[in-house]
Structure formats: C-alpha cells, structure tokens
Amino acid sequence: MTSKTEILLFGATGYIGGSVLNRLLSHPKADTFSITATVRSPEKAKLLEKLGVKAEIASLSDFDKIEELASRAHVIFNVANSDDLPAINALLKGVRKAYETTGELPILIHTSGTGEIAEAANGEYAAETVYSDLNVEQLKAIPETAFHRKVSLAVIGADEQGYTRSYIMIPGMIDGLASGPVFEAGIANPLSIQIPALIKQALDRNRAGMIGPGKAVWSIINIEDTVDMYIALFDAISADPQSVGHGWEGYYFGVSDHVSFYEIGQAIGQALVDLGLAKDAEPTTFTDEELLKHWGSVLAGKYGGTTCRCRADRALAMGWKPKYATKDLLLAGIKPEVEYEFKRAQENGGVDFTKQRKHGLLLKSVLESN
C-alpha cells in the first residue's frame, strides 16, 4: 500500500491559507493526502476534523511544536506570518530533521508578499522598476531590510544548504471574497487586508480615500487566481520535482495586472454611491488623524501609499493563466467586498478597526526596524 503524502499547513484560518486548504480538500488526488493544519482554538480544530483534516493546537510561538510537526511532513505550505523569523527558524529546524531522518528533501512552499519590493511613494508616483521572478540577479539585489525579506532569505538559505526544496509565493494585493467549505464552516477569514481596510475606512468616513493623490500603483490578483498558482506549483513539483526550479529559481510573483490606489478608491466610492452610502464616488486624501484612528499609527497607515510593480513570468511559463486577467475584472470584484463589510458594520453597530490596528502595530514595528 502506498503511503500518503503528509501535508502540513500553517495559516488554515487565514484568507490565503483557508483557500489553499479548500483546494487541497477538493484536489483530484485528495485521497492520497494526509493533511495536518495548525489552529489556536479547540473549536476550530473540531471544525477542521469534520472536514477530514488533522488539527493540531499550536501558535507560531510554540516553537517545539512547530519543529516537531515540520519534522514529519513531506510538503509544507506556510501561509502564516511572513515576518516571524523565530517561527520560521523553528519550522526549518523541523525540516532539517525530516531530511536527516528520511534522506528525502521536504518541500516548503512559503508565502511572502510584494511588500518585499515596495517602495515608499506617499501616493505620489508609480514605481518605475518592474520586477521579474525570472531575473535572479534582480531578486538577489533586494535589500535585506525590505519588508518580509529576512524570512525569505532564511527560507532560501535552507534550500542552499541542501536540506529542503523551497519555493516562495509572492502575491500582490489580493481581492475577492473567498468561498468554500472552510469559509462556510467559519474556520477561515474570507477577506484580504489591503482593500478591505480601505473599504472599512471609506465606510467610517462616508467617502472613499487614498494616501496623497493616489498615484501609487500596486500589483493585484484575485484570490482564485492566487490559489490556482499554489496548486499549479504543487502539482508540478509532485509530478517531477527535478523540473521545477527552487531556491532563488523558486520565486513566484502573483500578479494579473496593476492598479493605482486612486482607481481602487474610485471603485470603492462607486460601490458606496450604489448602496446609497455616499453622494460622490471620487476618493479624497486621508488625513493623519484618520490614519491614526484607523491604523493606530500614521506610519502604518501611509504604507497604503507605497508602490511596486512585477510580472508573474515564472508562473506563466509553468502554464498558469489568470481568470481575472484585466484591471476591470479585478476592480469589479470590489463591490461585493463593500457589501460584505457594510453588512458586518451593521451587525456590529459600526466599523470595527481592532484587527486593522493590530496589523498596524505589527506593520509599524517592522517598518521602524528597517
């Protein structure tokens, strides 16, 4: 009897992680997988087990547990915090142990983000440099102080040391409401961070907003296209690991198009007008007072004025094709997110910025340390 592929997933309660888990559960070869996911609550562990997932109670600070779980996995999807270096070091210790025990190279698919190539623009301009994930020298030149970079370098370092094959997924700004059994069960969060945050700010001020004049441009991708990339990579590795580049050759930018924050603001503004929540769709500039209120930090709030551009050359060469391949399709997905956030605000008696401020504190600490 052939043994099952031991898959370990960190981040199953999140937007991307929950979407990856959905796709693994519905994968044509799902019956050959043994999936373990970490969660912090016994309640969500029980819900995962109902879906056929082995649930382990662990947080990213449970280093011994992370190491032990990683030491037993064939494939690891790390879709949790991309800036927690102690956690990734614990994971890599487990990966090394797995290699030393079995002699087989574990697969590590790690999630970073295009914040790694973002530059401060205060909303005033679009980045001129366009990064390609096929340009290794360009990737190597990204400074160590860049957002997410220390963790990415640790992951690549493990590959270079020869005890894992590592791959780094770097999606841009992700839009779209996630759906599927993991979300319907209440296990995972169905929304991303950046665009939902802008929506919540717009609902609070009754008008869409942006940093500066909104000229900063970011890469954007739909959640379904994002997960398609993860599964396309996983399938290619499973079919023939020797044919898939790894380490520095394993960077994958996730992008379908590029949009300005002004265009995002307009899409949010039009949705507000359509819902009768605003009279004007034109976005206006956030004040420092608003950024402090919404993010708990002006510095963190102004991260929404950064800019980056990149190409998904490696995924396209692998055969991945985005379904939401145009700016218009991507921006059209914003209205359902506005409707979702408006409904939540009505249910909660107002817009809740607790999660956003928590994220803002983390963002502020990373930015200040760099």
Protein backbone atom coordinates (compact mmCIF):
# COMPACT_ATOMS: atom_id res chain seq x y z
CA MET A 1 0.00 0.00 0.00
CA THR A 2 1.41 3.39 -0.98
CA SER A 3 1.82 5.76 1.94
CA LYS A 4 0.00 9.07 1.82
CA THR A 5 1.68 12.43 1.24
CA GLU A 6 1.96 14.18 4.59
CA ILE A 7 0.95 17.81 4.02
CA LEU A 8 1.35 20.38 6.79
CA LEU A 9 -0.45 23.73 6.51
CA PHE A 10 0.25 26.80 8.61
CA GLY A 11 -2.36 29.54 8.25
CA ALA A 12 -5.50 27.50 7.64
CA THR A 13 -7.68 30.10 9.38
CA GLY A 14 -6.49 32.86 7.07
CA TYR A 15 -7.62 34.18 3.71
CA ILE A 16 -4.99 32.51 1.52
CA GLY A 17 -4.41 29.52 3.80
CA GLY A 18 -8.11 28.70 4.01
CA SER A 19 -8.35 28.94 0.22
CA VAL A 20 -5.35 26.63 -0.25
CA LEU A 21 -6.90 24.14 2.18
CA ASN A 22 -10.19 24.20 0.25
CA ARG A 23 -8.36 23.40 -2.95
CA LEU A 24 -6.33 20.59 -1.38
CA LEU A 25 -9.51 19.02 0.01
CA SER A 26 -11.12 19.08 -3.45
CA HIS A 27 -7.94 18.10 -5.30
CA PRO A 28 -8.28 15.12 -7.71
CA LYS A 29 -5.67 13.29 -5.63
CA ALA A 30 -7.05 14.35 -2.24
CA ASP A 31 -7.44 10.73 -1.14
CA THR A 32 -3.65 10.37 -1.33
CA PHE A 33 -3.08 13.29 1.06
CA SER A 34 -2.91 13.31 4.82
CA ILE A 35 -3.43 16.97 5.73
CA THR A 36 -2.50 18.48 9.08
CA ALA A 37 -3.30 22.10 9.90
CA THR A 38 -2.47 24.18 12.95
CA VAL A 39 -5.08 26.29 14.74
CA ARG A 40 -5.14 28.10 18.07
CA SER A 41 -8.64 27.17 19.24
CA PRO A 42 -10.12 23.75 20.08
CA GLU A 43 -13.40 24.87 18.48
CA LYS A 44 -11.80 25.40 15.07
CA ALA A 45 -9.82 22.19 15.49
CA LYS A 46 -13.10 20.27 15.76
CA LEU A 47 -14.47 22.01 12.68
CA LEU A 48 -11.35 21.09 10.70
CA GLU A 49 -11.58 17.47 11.79
CA LYS A 50 -15.14 17.34 10.42
CA LEU A 51 -13.62 18.20 7.04
CA GLY A 52 -11.13 15.35 7.31
CA VAL A 53 -8.16 17.48 8.39
CA LYS A 54 -5.92 16.57 11.29
CA ALA A 55 -5.89 19.61 13.56
CA GLU A 56 -3.05 20.50 15.91
CA ILE A 57 -3.41 23.20 18.56
CA ALA A 58 -0.38 25.46 18.16
CA SER A 59 0.54 29.11 17.75
CA LEU A 60 3.59 30.47 15.94
CA SER A 61 5.29 30.92 19.31
CA ASP A 62 5.07 27.19 20.08
CA PHE A 63 8.48 26.56 18.58
CA ASP A 64 8.93 22.97 19.79
CA LYS A 65 5.53 22.03 18.39
CA ILE A 66 6.25 23.71 15.05
CA GLU A 67 9.59 21.89 14.80
CA GLU A 68 8.02 18.55 15.67
CA LEU A 69 5.20 18.91 13.14
CA ALA A 70 7.58 20.02 10.38
CA SER A 71 9.85 17.05 11.06
CA ARG A 72 7.06 14.68 9.97
CA ALA A 73 5.89 16.47 6.82
CA HIS A 74 6.62 15.78 3.15
CA VAL A 75 5.12 19.07 1.95
CA ILE A 76 4.69 22.25 3.98
CA PHE A 77 2.52 25.20 2.98
CA ASN A 78 3.48 28.14 5.17
CA VAL A 79 0.72 30.70 4.71
CA ALA A 80 1.03 32.30 8.14
CA ASN A 81 3.05 35.32 9.30
CA SER A 82 5.73 36.18 6.72
CA ASP A 83 7.73 38.31 9.16
CA ASP A 84 8.08 35.93 12.12
CA LEU A 85 11.73 34.88 11.91
CA PRO A 86 11.79 32.82 15.15
CA ALA A 87 8.80 30.80 13.91
CA ILE A 88 10.36 30.14 10.51
CA ASN A 89 13.62 29.11 12.18
CA ALA A 90 11.70 26.56 14.27
CA LEU A 91 9.97 25.29 11.13
CA LEU A 92 13.30 24.96 9.33
CA LYS A 93 14.80 23.02 12.25
CA GLY A 94 12.00 20.53 11.78
CA VAL A 95 12.53 20.42 8.03
CA ARG A 96 16.24 19.71 8.56
CA LYS A 97 15.35 16.92 10.98
CA ALA A 98 12.97 15.41 8.41
CA TYR A 99 15.71 15.37 5.79
CA GLU A 100 18.30 13.90 8.16
CA THR A 101 15.84 11.21 9.23
CA THR A 102 14.50 10.15 5.83
CA GLY A 103 17.14 11.28 3.34
CA GLU A 104 14.33 12.79 1.26
CA LEU A 105 14.06 16.51 0.55
CA PRO A 106 10.93 18.04 2.09
CA ILE A 107 9.03 20.59 0.02
CA LEU A 108 8.49 24.03 1.56
CA ILE A 109 6.10 26.44 -0.16
CA HIS A 110 6.42 29.68 1.76
CA THR A 111 4.26 32.80 1.40
CA SER A 112 5.80 36.26 1.31
CA GLY A 113 4.30 39.31 -0.42
CA THR A 114 5.11 42.08 -2.86
CA GLY A 115 5.77 44.32 0.12
CA GLU A 116 9.23 42.82 -0.37
CA ILE A 117 9.69 45.05 -3.43
CA ALA A 118 7.53 48.01 -2.38
CA GLU A 119 9.00 51.49 -2.20
CA ALA A 120 7.74 54.45 -0.21
CA ALA A 121 5.92 56.87 -2.51
CA ASN A 122 3.36 58.56 -0.24
CA GLY A 123 0.85 58.01 -3.01
CA GLU A 124 2.66 60.44 -5.30
CA TYR A 125 4.04 58.21 -8.08
CA ALA A 126 4.15 54.71 -9.57
CA ALA A 127 7.29 52.59 -9.32
CA GLU A 128 9.46 52.62 -12.43
CA THR A 129 11.21 49.30 -11.77
CA VAL A 130 9.28 46.22 -12.86
CA TYR A 131 10.50 43.03 -11.17
CA SER A 132 10.52 39.68 -12.93
CA ASP A 133 10.69 36.45 -10.94
CA LEU A 134 12.89 35.04 -13.72
CA ASN A 135 15.53 37.72 -13.10
CA VAL A 136 17.51 36.11 -10.27
CA GLU A 137 20.13 38.83 -10.07
CA GLN A 138 17.39 41.42 -9.68
CA LEU A 139 15.83 39.32 -6.89
CA LYS A 140 19.16 38.92 -5.12
CA ALA A 141 19.63 42.71 -5.15
CA ILE A 142 16.53 43.32 -2.99
CA PRO A 143 17.92 44.76 0.28
CA GLU A 144 17.85 42.66 3.44
CA THR A 145 15.94 45.47 5.16
CA ALA A 146 12.95 45.10 2.81
CA PHE A 147 9.59 44.02 4.22
CA HIS A 148 9.38 40.19 4.64
CA ARG A 149 12.95 39.86 3.38
CA LYS A 150 14.69 38.34 6.43
CA VAL A 151 12.25 35.44 6.48
CA SER A 152 12.54 34.90 2.71
CA LEU A 153 16.33 34.79 2.96
CA ALA A 154 16.10 32.19 5.75
CA VAL A 155 13.86 30.02 3.54
CA ILE A 156 16.22 30.34 0.57
CA GLY A 157 19.20 29.69 2.84
CA ALA A 158 17.71 26.34 3.86
CA ASP A 159 17.45 25.41 0.19
CA GLU A 160 21.03 26.48 -0.43
CA GLN A 161 22.17 24.33 2.49
CA GLY A 162 20.56 21.36 0.77
CA TYR A 163 18.01 20.08 3.27
CA THR A 164 14.83 21.28 1.56
CA ARG A 165 13.45 22.42 -1.77
CA SER A 166 11.98 25.83 -1.09
CA TYR A 167 9.58 27.94 -3.13
CA ILE A 168 8.39 31.46 -2.31
CA MET A 169 4.98 32.70 -3.38
CA ILE A 170 4.81 36.50 -3.53
CA PRO A 171 1.26 37.60 -4.28
CA GLY A 172 0.42 41.24 -4.76
CA MET A 173 -2.67 42.93 -3.39
CA ILE A 174 -5.33 40.20 -3.37
CA ASP A 175 -9.00 40.95 -3.93
CA GLY A 176 -12.22 38.97 -3.94
CA LEU A 177 -14.34 37.22 -1.33
CA ALA A 178 -13.05 33.74 -0.58
CA SER A 179 -15.59 30.92 -0.52
CA GLY A 180 -15.80 27.19 0.01
CA PRO A 181 -16.32 24.71 2.88
CA VAL A 182 -13.52 26.08 5.08
CA PHE A 183 -15.10 29.54 5.00
CA GLU A 184 -18.68 28.33 5.21
CA ALA A 185 -17.77 26.43 8.38
CA GLY A 186 -16.47 29.64 9.96
CA ILE A 187 -12.90 28.35 10.15
CA ALA A 188 -11.17 30.95 7.99
CA ASN A 189 -11.34 34.68 7.28
CA PRO A 190 -12.82 35.32 3.80
CA LEU A 191 -11.16 38.71 3.24
CA SER A 192 -7.70 40.04 2.49
CA ILE A 193 -6.09 43.02 4.25
CA GLN A 194 -5.40 45.98 1.99
CA ILE A 195 -8.61 46.53 0.02
CA PRO A 196 -10.95 45.56 2.91
CA ALA A 197 -9.06 48.06 5.09
CA LEU A 198 -9.69 50.80 2.53
CA ILE A 199 -13.35 49.78 2.41
CA LYS A 200 -13.69 49.98 6.20
CA GLN A 201 -12.05 53.40 6.21
CA ALA A 202 -14.45 54.55 3.49
CA LEU A 203 -17.46 53.30 5.45
CA ASP A 204 -16.25 55.12 8.55
CA ARG A 205 -15.75 58.46 6.75
CA ASN A 206 -18.65 58.04 4.26
CA ARG A 207 -16.29 58.54 1.36
CA ALA A 208 -13.53 56.55 -0.33
CA GLY A 209 -9.99 57.59 0.50
CA MET A 210 -6.37 57.24 -0.53
CA ILE A 211 -2.88 58.28 0.50
CA GLY A 212 -1.81 61.52 -1.18
CA PRO A 213 -3.10 61.86 -4.76
CA GLY A 214 -3.45 58.06 -5.12
CA LYS A 215 -0.89 57.76 -7.91
CA ALA A 216 0.95 54.85 -6.28
CA VAL A 217 0.47 51.62 -8.23
CA TRP A 218 0.45 48.03 -6.91
CA SER A 219 0.25 44.60 -8.44
CA ILE A 220 -3.17 43.00 -7.93
CA ILE A 221 -4.53 39.46 -8.22
CA ASN A 222 -7.81 37.70 -7.45
CA ILE A 223 -7.91 35.12 -4.66
CA GLU A 224 -8.95 32.34 -7.06
CA ASP A 225 -6.04 33.08 -9.38
CA THR A 226 -3.72 33.21 -6.37
CA VAL A 227 -4.71 29.73 -5.22
CA ASP A 228 -4.51 28.45 -8.79
CA MET A 229 -0.82 29.41 -8.67
CA TYR A 230 -0.22 27.48 -5.44
CA ILE A 231 -1.88 24.36 -6.80
CA ALA A 232 -0.18 24.64 -10.21
CA LEU A 233 3.17 24.79 -8.42
CA PHE A 234 2.29 21.94 -6.06
CA ASP A 235 1.13 19.76 -8.97
CA ALA A 236 4.29 20.48 -10.98
CA ILE A 237 6.51 19.60 -8.02
CA SER A 238 4.51 16.43 -7.34
CA ALA A 239 4.78 15.33 -10.96
CA ASP A 240 8.51 15.98 -11.37
CA PRO A 241 10.39 17.92 -8.67
CA GLN A 242 13.54 17.96 -10.77
CA SER A 243 11.79 20.02 -13.45
CA VAL A 244 10.76 22.85 -11.12
CA GLY A 245 13.25 25.50 -10.05
CA HIS A 246 13.68 26.08 -6.33
CA GLY A 247 15.58 28.41 -4.01
CA TRP A 248 16.45 31.54 -5.97
CA GLU A 249 14.87 29.87 -9.00
CA GLY A 250 11.69 29.32 -6.99
CA TYR A 251 10.35 32.86 -6.63
CA TYR A 252 6.77 33.28 -7.89
CA PHE A 253 5.24 36.74 -8.16
CA GLY A 254 1.43 36.63 -8.11
CA VAL A 255 0.04 39.39 -10.30
CA SER A 256 -2.58 39.72 -13.01
CA ASP A 257 -2.49 43.48 -13.54
CA HIS A 258 -1.59 46.75 -11.83
CA VAL A 259 -3.93 49.36 -10.37
CA SER A 260 -3.48 52.72 -8.71
CA PHE A 261 -4.91 53.45 -5.29
CA TYR A 262 -6.92 56.21 -6.95
CA GLU A 263 -8.61 53.58 -9.17
CA ILE A 264 -9.28 51.38 -6.14
CA GLY A 265 -10.72 54.41 -4.35
CA GLN A 266 -13.00 55.13 -7.29
CA ALA A 267 -14.28 51.53 -7.31
CA ILE A 268 -14.98 51.68 -3.57
CA GLY A 269 -16.56 55.12 -3.94
CA GLN A 270 -18.88 53.96 -6.72
CA ALA A 271 -19.96 50.99 -4.61
CA LEU A 272 -20.78 53.38 -1.75
CA VAL A 273 -22.83 55.53 -4.13
CA ASP A 274 -24.66 52.47 -5.47
CA LEU A 275 -25.52 51.44 -1.90
CA GLY A 276 -26.75 54.93 -1.08
CA LEU A 277 -23.93 55.46 1.43
CA ALA A 278 -22.24 58.37 -0.36
CA LYS A 279 -23.12 61.03 -2.88
CA ASP A 280 -19.73 61.25 -4.58
CA ALA A 281 -17.57 58.38 -5.83
CA GLU A 282 -14.42 60.50 -6.03
CA PRO A 283 -11.86 59.47 -3.35
CA THR A 284 -10.22 62.11 -1.17
CA THR A 285 -6.92 62.05 0.72
CA PHE A 286 -6.83 60.54 4.21
CA THR A 287 -5.76 62.90 6.97
CA ASP A 288 -3.13 61.88 9.53
CA GLU A 289 -5.88 61.91 12.16
CA GLU A 290 -7.88 59.38 10.14
CA LEU A 291 -4.83 57.14 9.65
CA LEU A 292 -4.14 57.20 13.38
CA LYS A 293 -7.77 56.33 14.12
CA HIS A 294 -7.94 53.50 11.60
CA TRP A 295 -4.45 52.01 11.91
CA GLY A 296 -3.25 53.13 15.33
CA SER A 297 -0.24 54.64 13.56
CA VAL A 298 0.26 57.25 10.84
CA LEU A 299 3.39 55.39 9.67
CA ALA A 300 1.49 52.13 9.26
CA GLY A 301 -1.43 53.91 7.57
CA LYS A 302 0.83 55.51 4.99
CA TYR A 303 2.01 52.07 3.87
CA GLY A 304 -1.07 52.30 1.63
CA GLY A 305 0.85 54.90 -0.37
CA THR A 306 3.72 52.57 -1.30
CA THR A 307 4.20 51.29 -4.85
CA CYS A 308 5.51 48.19 -6.61
CA ARG A 309 5.29 46.53 -9.99
CA CYS A 310 6.20 42.99 -11.04
CA ARG A 311 5.48 40.21 -13.55
CA ALA A 312 4.40 36.62 -12.94
CA ASP A 313 6.76 35.31 -15.63
CA ARG A 314 7.64 32.07 -13.85
CA ALA A 315 4.03 31.01 -13.22
CA LEU A 316 3.00 31.95 -16.76
CA ALA A 317 5.86 29.83 -18.13
CA MET A 318 4.58 26.95 -15.98
CA GLY A 319 1.17 27.19 -17.67
CA TRP A 320 -0.75 29.24 -15.09
CA LYS A 321 -3.33 31.59 -16.63
CA PRO A 322 -5.30 34.08 -14.53
CA LYS A 323 -9.07 34.08 -14.98
CA TYR A 324 -9.26 37.66 -13.71
CA ALA A 325 -6.63 38.92 -16.10
CA THR A 326 -7.69 42.54 -16.54
CA LYS A 327 -7.90 45.58 -14.32
CA ASP A 328 -11.63 45.93 -14.99
CA LEU A 329 -12.40 42.39 -13.83
CA LEU A 330 -10.33 42.83 -10.69
CA LEU A 331 -11.88 46.18 -9.77
CA ALA A 332 -15.38 44.78 -10.38
CA GLY A 333 -14.75 42.36 -7.51
CA ILE A 334 -14.54 45.23 -5.03
CA LYS A 335 -18.30 45.90 -4.84
CA PRO A 336 -19.16 42.53 -3.20
CA GLU A 337 -16.45 43.23 -0.63
CA VAL A 338 -18.01 46.62 0.12
CA GLU A 339 -21.41 44.99 0.56
CA TYR A 340 -19.89 42.37 2.88
CA GLU A 341 -18.12 44.94 5.06
CA PHE A 342 -21.22 47.16 5.19
CA LYS A 343 -23.30 44.22 6.39
CA ARG A 344 -20.72 43.41 9.08
CA ALA A 345 -20.66 47.03 10.21
CA GLN A 346 -24.45 47.00 10.55
CA GLU A 347 -24.34 43.77 12.57
CA ASN A 348 -21.56 45.06 14.84
CA GLY A 349 -23.02 48.52 15.40
CA GLY A 350 -20.25 50.26 13.47
CA VAL A 351 -16.95 49.67 11.71
CA ASP A 352 -14.53 47.67 13.84
CA PHE A 353 -10.86 48.58 13.36
CA THR A 354 -9.48 46.21 16.03
CA LYS A 355 -7.88 43.84 13.54
CA GLN A 356 -6.60 46.71 11.40
CA ARG A 357 -4.96 48.43 14.38
CA LYS A 358 -3.38 45.14 15.45
CA HIS A 359 -1.97 44.71 11.97
CA GLY A 360 -0.89 48.36 12.04
CA LEU A 361 1.18 47.80 15.19
CA LEU A 362 2.96 44.87 13.54
CA LEU A 363 3.47 46.89 10.37
CA LYS A 364 4.80 49.85 12.35
CA SER A 365 7.32 47.69 14.25
CA VAL A 366 8.63 46.14 11.02
CA LEU A 367 8.88 49.50 9.25
CA GLU A 368 10.66 51.11 12.20
CA SER A 369 13.12 48.21 12.50
CA ASN A 370 14.00 48.64 8.82
